[in-house]
Amino acid sequence: MKKLKEMSLEELWQLFPIILKEHSPVYVEWYEEEKHNLEELFSEFEILVISHIGSTSVEGLIAKPIVDILLEFPAGYEHDRVSVMLQQAGWTLMIKDDVKQTMDLNKGYLPTGFAKKVYHLHVRPLGDWDELYFRDYLRKYPEVAREYETLKLSLKEKYEHDRDAYTNAKTEFVQRYSQKARAEFGTRYLTE
């Protein structure tokens, strides 16, 4: 059996297709469990905010069964040390930007497919992140959440085995409503 690192992008997309499911209350449980694990892992660090983001954080919204978590540290945090600690704790590093001090990791992607619990972790210095604006806008405006759901369902049919195209096709919608949320909510996430 090939290891994930040995697979081509096309093989990975076949193994990990876009799957959309009805919202489940277990997503909050998964988030709380992983939040606790992160707080224990970084007990020596100053964690400013841990947030459940993405579609699984919006009650009633169809979502990929993947819990997205935003972990925010103070600016200038020990980026490399945090990266090593997360990888030693079972996270797979996907993207790391040393200049912006950001990284994206995942957990639950196995050579046989998805694990029972799958996570994406977005590590950032404290900031006004669009993910928070978009999440709260969808929570406040259910009609926009339904529009987003319709868009995702149509894109799943077209891009089931092309995660990048699926994500790119949602970008305009996400950016439009993130900007509306910024106009309405101001800088609320800097003091959360």
N, C-alpha and C. Protein backbone atom coordinates (compact mmCIF):
# COMPACT_ATOMS: atom_id res chain seq x y z
N MET A 1 0.85 -1.18 0.00
CA MET A 1 0.00 0.00 0.00
C MET A 1 0.89 1.25 0.00
N LYS A 2 0.57 2.18 -0.88
CA LYS A 2 1.33 3.43 -0.96
C LYS A 2 1.08 4.29 0.27
N LYS A 3 2.12 5.00 0.70
CA LYS A 3 1.95 5.99 1.76
C LYS A 3 1.38 7.26 1.12
N LEU A 4 0.73 8.07 1.94
CA LEU A 4 0.11 9.30 1.43
C LEU A 4 1.14 10.19 0.72
N LYS A 5 2.35 10.28 1.28
CA LYS A 5 3.38 11.15 0.70
C LYS A 5 3.82 10.68 -0.68
N GLU A 6 3.59 9.41 -0.99
CA GLU A 6 3.99 8.85 -2.29
C GLU A 6 2.92 9.00 -3.35
N MET A 7 1.72 9.40 -2.96
CA MET A 7 0.59 9.47 -3.90
C MET A 7 0.60 10.78 -4.68
N SER A 8 0.14 10.69 -5.92
CA SER A 8 -0.04 11.89 -6.73
C SER A 8 -1.27 12.63 -6.23
N LEU A 9 -1.41 13.88 -6.64
CA LEU A 9 -2.58 14.67 -6.26
C LEU A 9 -3.86 13.99 -6.74
N GLU A 10 -3.84 13.46 -7.94
CA GLU A 10 -5.02 12.79 -8.49
C GLU A 10 -5.39 11.55 -7.66
N GLU A 11 -4.37 10.80 -7.21
CA GLU A 11 -4.64 9.63 -6.37
C GLU A 11 -5.23 10.06 -5.03
N LEU A 12 -4.70 11.14 -4.47
CA LEU A 12 -5.23 11.64 -3.21
C LEU A 12 -6.67 12.09 -3.35
N TRP A 13 -6.99 12.78 -4.44
CA TRP A 13 -8.37 13.24 -4.65
C TRP A 13 -9.33 12.07 -4.81
N GLN A 14 -8.87 10.97 -5.40
CA GLN A 14 -9.72 9.78 -5.52
C GLN A 14 -9.95 9.16 -4.15
N LEU A 15 -8.90 9.13 -3.34
CA LEU A 15 -8.99 8.54 -2.01
C LEU A 15 -9.80 9.42 -1.05
N PHE A 16 -9.72 10.73 -1.25
CA PHE A 16 -10.39 11.68 -0.36
C PHE A 16 -11.33 12.59 -1.17
N PRO A 17 -12.43 12.04 -1.67
CA PRO A 17 -13.36 12.86 -2.46
C PRO A 17 -14.09 13.88 -1.59
N ILE A 18 -14.74 14.82 -2.25
CA ILE A 18 -15.62 15.76 -1.55
C ILE A 18 -16.85 14.97 -1.11
N ILE A 19 -17.08 14.94 0.17
CA ILE A 19 -18.26 14.28 0.75
C ILE A 19 -19.00 15.35 1.54
N LEU A 20 -20.28 15.49 1.29
CA LEU A 20 -21.11 16.44 2.04
C LEU A 20 -22.18 15.66 2.79
N LYS A 21 -22.33 16.00 4.06
CA LYS A 21 -23.31 15.32 4.91
C LYS A 21 -24.15 16.34 5.66
N GLU A 22 -25.32 15.89 6.10
CA GLU A 22 -26.16 16.71 6.96
C GLU A 22 -25.37 17.07 8.22
N HIS A 23 -25.66 18.22 8.79
CA HIS A 23 -24.98 18.65 10.01
C HIS A 23 -25.22 17.63 11.12
N SER A 24 -24.20 17.44 11.94
CA SER A 24 -24.30 16.50 13.05
C SER A 24 -23.84 17.17 14.34
N PRO A 25 -24.53 16.91 15.45
CA PRO A 25 -24.10 17.46 16.73
C PRO A 25 -22.75 16.91 17.18
N VAL A 26 -22.29 15.80 16.60
CA VAL A 26 -20.98 15.27 17.01
C VAL A 26 -19.85 16.20 16.62
N TYR A 27 -20.07 17.09 15.65
CA TYR A 27 -19.01 18.01 15.25
C TYR A 27 -18.58 18.89 16.42
N VAL A 28 -19.51 19.33 17.23
CA VAL A 28 -19.17 20.16 18.40
C VAL A 28 -18.38 19.31 19.40
N GLU A 29 -18.76 18.06 19.56
CA GLU A 29 -18.03 17.16 20.47
C GLU A 29 -16.60 16.94 19.97
N TRP A 30 -16.45 16.70 18.67
CA TRP A 30 -15.11 16.51 18.09
C TRP A 30 -14.26 17.75 18.32
N TYR A 31 -14.88 18.92 18.08
CA TYR A 31 -14.16 20.18 18.29
C TYR A 31 -13.71 20.31 19.74
N GLU A 32 -14.63 20.11 20.68
CA GLU A 32 -14.30 20.26 22.10
C GLU A 32 -13.19 19.30 22.51
N GLU A 33 -13.25 18.08 22.00
CA GLU A 33 -12.22 17.09 22.31
C GLU A 33 -10.84 17.55 21.81
N GLU A 34 -10.81 18.03 20.58
CA GLU A 34 -9.52 18.46 20.02
C GLU A 34 -9.06 19.77 20.63
N LYS A 35 -9.98 20.64 20.98
CA LYS A 35 -9.62 21.88 21.68
C LYS A 35 -8.92 21.55 22.98
N HIS A 36 -9.48 20.60 23.72
CA HIS A 36 -8.87 20.17 24.98
C HIS A 36 -7.46 19.62 24.74
N ASN A 37 -7.31 18.80 23.70
CA ASN A 37 -5.98 18.25 23.36
C ASN A 37 -4.98 19.35 23.05
N LEU A 38 -5.41 20.36 22.31
CA LEU A 38 -4.52 21.47 21.95
C LEU A 38 -4.15 22.29 23.19
N GLU A 39 -5.13 22.52 24.06
CA GLU A 39 -4.84 23.27 25.29
C GLU A 39 -3.82 22.51 26.16
N GLU A 40 -3.94 21.20 26.20
CA GLU A 40 -2.96 20.41 26.96
C GLU A 40 -1.60 20.43 26.29
N LEU A 41 -1.57 20.26 24.98
CA LEU A 41 -0.32 20.25 24.24
C LEU A 41 0.44 21.56 24.42
N PHE A 42 -0.29 22.66 24.40
CA PHE A 42 0.33 23.99 24.48
C PHE A 42 0.10 24.65 25.84
N SER A 43 0.11 23.86 26.89
CA SER A 43 -0.14 24.40 28.23
C SER A 43 0.93 25.41 28.65
N GLU A 44 2.12 25.32 28.05
CA GLU A 44 3.20 26.27 28.37
C GLU A 44 3.12 27.55 27.52
N PHE A 45 2.22 27.57 26.55
CA PHE A 45 2.12 28.69 25.62
C PHE A 45 0.94 29.58 25.97
N GLU A 46 0.99 30.79 25.47
CA GLU A 46 -0.17 31.67 25.59
C GLU A 46 -1.04 31.47 24.35
N ILE A 47 -2.12 30.74 24.53
CA ILE A 47 -3.10 30.59 23.46
C ILE A 47 -4.10 31.73 23.62
N LEU A 48 -4.30 32.51 22.59
CA LEU A 48 -5.23 33.63 22.70
C LEU A 48 -6.66 33.18 22.44
N VAL A 49 -6.86 32.42 21.36
CA VAL A 49 -8.21 31.99 21.00
C VAL A 49 -8.13 30.66 20.27
N ILE A 50 -9.08 29.79 20.56
CA ILE A 50 -9.30 28.58 19.75
C ILE A 50 -10.75 28.65 19.31
N SER A 51 -10.98 28.54 18.00
CA SER A 51 -12.33 28.70 17.47
C SER A 51 -12.69 27.55 16.55
N HIS A 52 -13.93 27.12 16.64
CA HIS A 52 -14.49 26.15 15.70
C HIS A 52 -14.97 26.96 14.49
N ILE A 53 -14.41 26.69 13.33
CA ILE A 53 -14.76 27.44 12.11
C ILE A 53 -15.22 26.45 11.04
N GLY A 54 -15.53 26.97 9.86
CA GLY A 54 -15.95 26.11 8.76
C GLY A 54 -17.41 25.72 8.89
N SER A 55 -17.87 24.97 7.90
CA SER A 55 -19.29 24.62 7.83
C SER A 55 -19.77 23.77 8.99
N THR A 56 -18.89 22.95 9.58
CA THR A 56 -19.34 22.13 10.72
C THR A 56 -19.65 22.98 11.94
N SER A 57 -19.23 24.25 11.93
CA SER A 57 -19.50 25.14 13.06
C SER A 57 -20.82 25.90 12.90
N VAL A 58 -21.53 25.66 11.80
CA VAL A 58 -22.80 26.35 11.53
C VAL A 58 -23.91 25.31 11.62
N GLU A 59 -24.68 25.38 12.69
CA GLU A 59 -25.74 24.40 12.91
C GLU A 59 -26.70 24.33 11.73
N GLY A 60 -26.99 23.11 11.30
CA GLY A 60 -27.94 22.89 10.23
C GLY A 60 -27.36 22.94 8.83
N LEU A 61 -26.11 23.34 8.68
CA LEU A 61 -25.50 23.49 7.36
C LEU A 61 -24.86 22.17 6.90
N ILE A 62 -25.17 21.76 5.69
CA ILE A 62 -24.49 20.60 5.11
C ILE A 62 -23.00 20.90 5.06
N ALA A 63 -22.19 19.90 5.39
CA ALA A 63 -20.75 20.14 5.48
C ALA A 63 -19.97 18.88 5.12
N LYS A 64 -18.70 19.09 4.72
CA LYS A 64 -17.77 17.98 4.70
C LYS A 64 -17.61 17.57 6.17
N PRO A 65 -17.58 16.28 6.48
CA PRO A 65 -17.44 15.87 7.88
C PRO A 65 -16.01 16.04 8.38
N ILE A 66 -15.54 17.26 8.31
CA ILE A 66 -14.19 17.64 8.71
C ILE A 66 -14.31 18.87 9.61
N VAL A 67 -13.80 18.77 10.82
CA VAL A 67 -13.89 19.89 11.76
C VAL A 67 -12.68 20.80 11.57
N ASP A 68 -12.96 22.06 11.26
CA ASP A 68 -11.92 23.07 11.09
C ASP A 68 -11.75 23.83 12.40
N ILE A 69 -10.49 24.02 12.78
CA ILE A 69 -10.17 24.72 14.02
C ILE A 69 -9.17 25.83 13.72
N LEU A 70 -9.42 27.00 14.27
CA LEU A 70 -8.50 28.13 14.18
C LEU A 70 -7.84 28.28 15.55
N LEU A 71 -6.51 28.19 15.56
CA LEU A 71 -5.72 28.32 16.78
C LEU A 71 -4.88 29.58 16.66
N GLU A 72 -5.11 30.55 17.58
CA GLU A 72 -4.42 31.84 17.50
C GLU A 72 -3.48 32.05 18.68
N PHE A 73 -2.24 32.37 18.35
CA PHE A 73 -1.21 32.71 19.31
C PHE A 73 -0.90 34.19 19.19
N PRO A 74 -0.17 34.77 20.16
CA PRO A 74 0.28 36.15 20.01
C PRO A 74 1.27 36.27 18.84
N ALA A 75 1.33 37.44 18.24
CA ALA A 75 2.32 37.68 17.18
C ALA A 75 3.71 37.36 17.72
N GLY A 76 4.54 36.76 16.89
CA GLY A 76 5.90 36.42 17.29
C GLY A 76 6.00 35.12 18.06
N TYR A 77 4.92 34.32 18.07
CA TYR A 77 4.96 33.04 18.79
C TYR A 77 6.03 32.12 18.18
N GLU A 78 6.38 31.08 18.90
CA GLU A 78 7.43 30.16 18.46
C GLU A 78 6.90 29.25 17.35
N HIS A 79 6.86 29.81 16.17
CA HIS A 79 6.25 29.16 15.01
C HIS A 79 6.86 27.78 14.73
N ASP A 80 8.17 27.70 14.67
CA ASP A 80 8.83 26.42 14.36
C ASP A 80 8.58 25.39 15.46
N ARG A 81 8.66 25.81 16.69
CA ARG A 81 8.43 24.88 17.81
C ARG A 81 6.99 24.37 17.81
N VAL A 82 6.04 25.25 17.56
CA VAL A 82 4.63 24.85 17.49
C VAL A 82 4.44 23.83 16.36
N SER A 83 5.06 24.08 15.22
CA SER A 83 4.97 23.16 14.09
C SER A 83 5.48 21.77 14.46
N VAL A 84 6.64 21.72 15.07
CA VAL A 84 7.23 20.43 15.47
C VAL A 84 6.33 19.72 16.49
N MET A 85 5.84 20.45 17.46
CA MET A 85 5.00 19.85 18.49
C MET A 85 3.71 19.27 17.91
N LEU A 86 3.12 19.99 16.97
CA LEU A 86 1.89 19.49 16.35
C LEU A 86 2.17 18.23 15.54
N GLN A 87 3.26 18.23 14.79
CA GLN A 87 3.58 17.05 13.99
C GLN A 87 3.89 15.85 14.90
N GLN A 88 4.55 16.08 16.00
CA GLN A 88 4.83 14.99 16.95
C GLN A 88 3.54 14.48 17.59
N ALA A 89 2.51 15.33 17.63
CA ALA A 89 1.22 14.95 18.21
C ALA A 89 0.29 14.31 17.18
N GLY A 90 0.80 14.06 15.97
CA GLY A 90 0.01 13.35 14.97
C GLY A 90 -0.60 14.18 13.86
N TRP A 91 -0.33 15.47 13.85
CA TRP A 91 -0.83 16.34 12.79
C TRP A 91 0.11 16.28 11.59
N THR A 92 -0.44 16.39 10.39
CA THR A 92 0.35 16.43 9.16
C THR A 92 0.41 17.87 8.67
N LEU A 93 1.61 18.38 8.52
CA LEU A 93 1.79 19.75 8.05
C LEU A 93 1.53 19.81 6.55
N MET A 94 0.63 20.70 6.14
CA MET A 94 0.30 20.86 4.72
C MET A 94 0.96 22.12 4.15
N ILE A 95 0.82 23.24 4.85
CA ILE A 95 1.35 24.52 4.38
C ILE A 95 1.93 25.25 5.59
N LYS A 96 3.10 25.85 5.39
CA LYS A 96 3.71 26.64 6.46
C LYS A 96 4.30 27.90 5.84
N ASP A 97 3.94 29.05 6.38
CA ASP A 97 4.44 30.33 5.91
C ASP A 97 5.19 30.99 7.07
N ASP A 98 6.52 30.97 6.99
CA ASP A 98 7.34 31.50 8.08
C ASP A 98 7.22 33.01 8.22
N VAL A 99 6.98 33.71 7.12
CA VAL A 99 6.88 35.17 7.17
C VAL A 99 5.59 35.60 7.86
N LYS A 100 4.46 35.02 7.47
CA LYS A 100 3.18 35.37 8.07
C LYS A 100 2.91 34.63 9.38
N GLN A 101 3.77 33.65 9.69
CA GLN A 101 3.61 32.82 10.88
C GLN A 101 2.29 32.06 10.88
N THR A 102 1.97 31.48 9.73
CA THR A 102 0.75 30.69 9.60
C THR A 102 1.12 29.27 9.20
N MET A 103 0.23 28.34 9.51
CA MET A 103 0.38 26.98 9.02
C MET A 103 -0.98 26.30 9.01
N ASP A 104 -1.10 25.35 8.10
CA ASP A 104 -2.30 24.54 8.00
C ASP A 104 -1.89 23.08 8.13
N LEU A 105 -2.60 22.37 8.98
CA LEU A 105 -2.31 20.97 9.23
C LEU A 105 -3.60 20.17 9.16
N ASN A 106 -3.47 18.86 9.04
CA ASN A 106 -4.66 18.02 9.09
C ASN A 106 -4.38 16.76 9.88
N LYS A 107 -5.47 16.11 10.26
CA LYS A 107 -5.41 14.85 10.99
C LYS A 107 -6.61 14.03 10.56
N GLY A 108 -6.37 12.74 10.34
CA GLY A 108 -7.48 11.85 9.97
C GLY A 108 -7.48 11.42 8.53
N TYR A 109 -6.41 11.73 7.81
CA TYR A 109 -6.26 11.27 6.43
C TYR A 109 -5.35 10.05 6.46
N LEU A 110 -5.90 8.88 6.18
CA LEU A 110 -5.16 7.63 6.27
C LEU A 110 -4.92 7.05 4.87
N PRO A 111 -3.95 6.17 4.72
CA PRO A 111 -3.71 5.54 3.41
C PRO A 111 -4.91 4.75 2.90
N THR A 112 -5.85 4.44 3.78
CA THR A 112 -7.05 3.71 3.40
C THR A 112 -8.26 4.62 3.21
N GLY A 113 -8.09 5.93 3.42
CA GLY A 113 -9.19 6.88 3.31
C GLY A 113 -9.34 7.67 4.59
N PHE A 114 -10.52 8.27 4.75
CA PHE A 114 -10.76 9.11 5.93
C PHE A 114 -10.89 8.27 7.20
N ALA A 115 -10.35 8.79 8.29
CA ALA A 115 -10.58 8.21 9.61
C ALA A 115 -11.99 8.59 10.06
N LYS A 116 -12.41 8.07 11.20
CA LYS A 116 -13.74 8.41 11.73
C LYS A 116 -13.83 9.91 12.03
N LYS A 117 -12.75 10.47 12.60
CA LYS A 117 -12.71 11.90 12.92
C LYS A 117 -11.61 12.53 12.08
N VAL A 118 -11.99 13.61 11.38
CA VAL A 118 -11.04 14.30 10.50
C VAL A 118 -11.04 15.78 10.88
N TYR A 119 -9.82 16.34 10.92
CA TYR A 119 -9.65 17.73 11.33
C TYR A 119 -8.75 18.48 10.38
N HIS A 120 -9.00 19.77 10.25
CA HIS A 120 -8.08 20.73 9.64
C HIS A 120 -7.77 21.76 10.72
N LEU A 121 -6.50 22.07 10.91
CA LEU A 121 -6.08 23.03 11.91
C LEU A 121 -5.38 24.19 11.22
N HIS A 122 -5.83 25.40 11.51
CA HIS A 122 -5.27 26.62 10.94
C HIS A 122 -4.63 27.39 12.09
N VAL A 123 -3.30 27.48 12.08
CA VAL A 123 -2.57 28.15 13.16
C VAL A 123 -2.15 29.53 12.67
N ARG A 124 -2.48 30.55 13.45
CA ARG A 124 -2.24 31.93 13.04
C ARG A 124 -1.86 32.79 14.25
N PRO A 125 -1.19 33.92 14.01
CA PRO A 125 -1.12 34.92 15.07
C PRO A 125 -2.50 35.58 15.17
N LEU A 126 -2.82 36.14 16.32
CA LEU A 126 -4.13 36.77 16.50
C LEU A 126 -4.40 37.77 15.39
N GLY A 127 -5.62 37.73 14.85
CA GLY A 127 -5.96 38.65 13.77
C GLY A 127 -7.43 38.63 13.42
N ASP A 128 -7.76 39.46 12.47
CA ASP A 128 -9.12 39.52 11.92
C ASP A 128 -9.19 38.52 10.78
N TRP A 129 -9.49 37.27 11.05
CA TRP A 129 -9.47 36.24 10.03
C TRP A 129 -10.84 36.07 9.39
N ASP A 130 -10.86 36.01 8.07
CA ASP A 130 -12.12 35.89 7.33
C ASP A 130 -12.96 34.70 7.77
N GLU A 131 -12.30 33.62 8.20
CA GLU A 131 -13.05 32.43 8.61
C GLU A 131 -14.05 32.75 9.72
N LEU A 132 -13.66 33.61 10.65
CA LEU A 132 -14.55 33.97 11.75
C LEU A 132 -15.71 34.83 11.26
N TYR A 133 -15.41 35.79 10.39
CA TYR A 133 -16.47 36.64 9.83
C TYR A 133 -17.48 35.80 9.06
N PHE A 134 -16.96 34.92 8.20
CA PHE A 134 -17.85 34.11 7.36
C PHE A 134 -18.71 33.19 8.22
N ARG A 135 -18.10 32.54 9.20
CA ARG A 135 -18.85 31.65 10.11
C ARG A 135 -20.01 32.39 10.76
N ASP A 136 -19.71 33.56 11.34
CA ASP A 136 -20.74 34.27 12.09
C ASP A 136 -21.80 34.89 11.19
N TYR A 137 -21.42 35.23 9.96
CA TYR A 137 -22.41 35.74 9.01
C TYR A 137 -23.40 34.62 8.65
N LEU A 138 -22.88 33.42 8.40
CA LEU A 138 -23.77 32.30 8.09
C LEU A 138 -24.66 31.95 9.27
N ARG A 139 -24.15 32.07 10.48
CA ARG A 139 -24.95 31.81 11.67
C ARG A 139 -26.07 32.84 11.82
N LYS A 140 -25.77 34.08 11.50
CA LYS A 140 -26.76 35.17 11.68
C LYS A 140 -27.79 35.18 10.55
N TYR A 141 -27.37 34.80 9.34
CA TYR A 141 -28.25 34.89 8.16
C TYR A 141 -28.46 33.50 7.56
N PRO A 142 -29.46 32.76 8.04
CA PRO A 142 -29.70 31.40 7.55
C PRO A 142 -29.97 31.32 6.05
N GLU A 143 -30.53 32.40 5.48
CA GLU A 143 -30.79 32.37 4.04
C GLU A 143 -29.49 32.37 3.24
N VAL A 144 -28.45 33.02 3.76
CA VAL A 144 -27.14 33.00 3.11
C VAL A 144 -26.51 31.62 3.29
N ALA A 145 -26.70 31.03 4.45
CA ALA A 145 -26.21 29.67 4.69
C ALA A 145 -26.85 28.70 3.71
N ARG A 146 -28.15 28.87 3.42
CA ARG A 146 -28.83 27.99 2.46
C ARG A 146 -28.27 28.20 1.04
N GLU A 147 -27.96 29.45 0.69
CA GLU A 147 -27.34 29.72 -0.62
C GLU A 147 -25.99 29.02 -0.72
N TYR A 148 -25.24 29.10 0.37
CA TYR A 148 -23.92 28.47 0.40
C TYR A 148 -24.04 26.95 0.27
N GLU A 149 -25.01 26.40 0.94
CA GLU A 149 -25.27 24.97 0.88
C GLU A 149 -25.60 24.54 -0.55
N THR A 150 -26.47 25.31 -1.22
CA THR A 150 -26.84 25.01 -2.60
C THR A 150 -25.62 25.06 -3.51
N LEU A 151 -24.79 26.08 -3.31
CA LEU A 151 -23.56 26.19 -4.10
C LEU A 151 -22.66 24.98 -3.88
N LYS A 152 -22.45 24.61 -2.62
CA LYS A 152 -21.57 23.48 -2.32
C LYS A 152 -22.09 22.18 -2.93
N LEU A 153 -23.38 21.96 -2.86
CA LEU A 153 -23.96 20.74 -3.44
C LEU A 153 -23.75 20.69 -4.96
N SER A 154 -23.91 21.84 -5.62
CA SER A 154 -23.71 21.86 -7.07
C SER A 154 -22.23 21.66 -7.43
N LEU A 155 -21.34 22.21 -6.63
CA LEU A 155 -19.91 22.06 -6.89
C LEU A 155 -19.42 20.65 -6.58
N LYS A 156 -20.02 20.01 -5.61
CA LYS A 156 -19.65 18.63 -5.29
C LYS A 156 -19.89 17.73 -6.49
N GLU A 157 -21.01 17.95 -7.18
CA GLU A 157 -21.33 17.15 -8.36
C GLU A 157 -20.27 17.33 -9.45
N LYS A 158 -19.78 18.54 -9.57
CA LYS A 158 -18.82 18.86 -10.64
C LYS A 158 -17.39 18.52 -10.26
N TYR A 159 -17.03 18.70 -8.99
CA TYR A 159 -15.63 18.59 -8.56
C TYR A 159 -15.42 17.57 -7.44
N GLU A 160 -16.17 16.50 -7.44
CA GLU A 160 -16.07 15.53 -6.35
C GLU A 160 -14.64 15.02 -6.13
N HIS A 161 -13.88 14.91 -7.19
CA HIS A 161 -12.51 14.39 -7.08
C HIS A 161 -11.47 15.44 -7.45
N ASP A 162 -11.78 16.70 -7.16
CA ASP A 162 -10.83 17.79 -7.41
C ASP A 162 -11.03 18.84 -6.32
N ARG A 163 -10.42 18.59 -5.18
CA ARG A 163 -10.60 19.43 -4.00
C ARG A 163 -10.20 20.89 -4.27
N ASP A 164 -9.12 21.10 -5.00
CA ASP A 164 -8.68 22.47 -5.29
C ASP A 164 -9.72 23.23 -6.11
N ALA A 165 -10.26 22.59 -7.14
CA ALA A 165 -11.27 23.25 -7.97
C ALA A 165 -12.54 23.52 -7.15
N TYR A 166 -12.92 22.59 -6.30
CA TYR A 166 -14.08 22.77 -5.43
C TYR A 166 -13.89 24.00 -4.55
N THR A 167 -12.74 24.08 -3.91
CA THR A 167 -12.44 25.21 -3.02
C THR A 167 -12.38 26.51 -3.79
N ASN A 168 -11.70 26.52 -4.93
CA ASN A 168 -11.58 27.73 -5.74
C ASN A 168 -12.93 28.23 -6.23
N ALA A 169 -13.83 27.31 -6.55
CA ALA A 169 -15.14 27.71 -7.07
C ALA A 169 -16.02 28.34 -5.98
N LYS A 170 -15.70 28.11 -4.71
CA LYS A 170 -16.45 28.72 -3.61
C LYS A 170 -15.88 30.08 -3.21
N THR A 171 -14.69 30.40 -3.67
CA THR A 171 -13.95 31.56 -3.17
C THR A 171 -14.71 32.86 -3.32
N GLU A 172 -15.27 33.13 -4.46
CA GLU A 172 -15.97 34.40 -4.69
C GLU A 172 -17.11 34.57 -3.69
N PHE A 173 -17.90 33.52 -3.47
CA PHE A 173 -19.02 33.57 -2.54
C PHE A 173 -18.50 33.85 -1.12
N VAL A 174 -17.49 33.11 -0.70
CA VAL A 174 -16.94 33.26 0.65
C VAL A 174 -16.38 34.67 0.85
N GLN A 175 -15.65 35.18 -0.14
CA GLN A 175 -15.08 36.52 -0.01
C GLN A 175 -16.16 37.59 0.03
N ARG A 176 -17.18 37.44 -0.80
CA ARG A 176 -18.26 38.44 -0.83
C ARG A 176 -18.93 38.55 0.54
N TYR A 177 -19.26 37.41 1.14
CA TYR A 177 -19.96 37.47 2.43
C TYR A 177 -19.02 37.74 3.60
N SER A 178 -17.77 37.42 3.45
CA SER A 178 -16.79 37.80 4.49
C SER A 178 -16.66 39.32 4.53
N GLN A 179 -16.66 39.95 3.36
CA GLN A 179 -16.58 41.42 3.31
C GLN A 179 -17.84 42.06 3.89
N LYS A 180 -19.01 41.50 3.60
CA LYS A 180 -20.25 42.01 4.20
C LYS A 180 -20.19 41.88 5.72
N ALA A 181 -19.67 40.76 6.18
CA ALA A 181 -19.54 40.54 7.63
C ALA A 181 -18.57 41.54 8.24
N ARG A 182 -17.46 41.81 7.56
CA ARG A 182 -16.50 42.79 8.08
C ARG A 182 -17.16 44.16 8.22
N ALA A 183 -17.96 44.53 7.22
CA ALA A 183 -18.64 45.82 7.28
C ALA A 183 -19.62 45.86 8.46
N GLU A 184 -20.27 44.76 8.72
CA GLU A 184 -21.27 44.72 9.79
C GLU A 184 -20.65 44.52 11.17
N PHE A 185 -19.65 43.65 11.28
CA PHE A 185 -19.12 43.26 12.59
C PHE A 185 -17.91 44.06 13.05
N GLY A 186 -17.30 44.82 12.16
CA GLY A 186 -16.13 45.62 12.56
C GLY A 186 -14.93 44.75 12.92
N THR A 187 -14.21 45.15 13.95
CA THR A 187 -12.99 44.44 14.35
C THR A 187 -13.22 43.57 15.59
N ARG A 188 -14.36 42.97 15.68
CA ARG A 188 -14.76 42.23 16.88
C ARG A 188 -13.82 41.08 17.23
N TYR A 189 -13.11 40.53 16.28
CA TYR A 189 -12.30 39.34 16.55
C TYR A 189 -10.93 39.65 17.12
N LEU A 190 -10.57 40.90 17.17
CA LEU A 190 -9.30 41.26 17.80
C LEU A 190 -9.45 41.26 19.31
N THR A 191 -10.66 41.29 19.82
CA THR A 191 -10.88 41.34 21.27
C THR A 191 -11.63 40.13 21.77
N GLU A 192 -11.86 39.14 20.91
CA GLU A 192 -12.64 37.95 21.28
C GLU A 192 -11.99 37.19 22.41
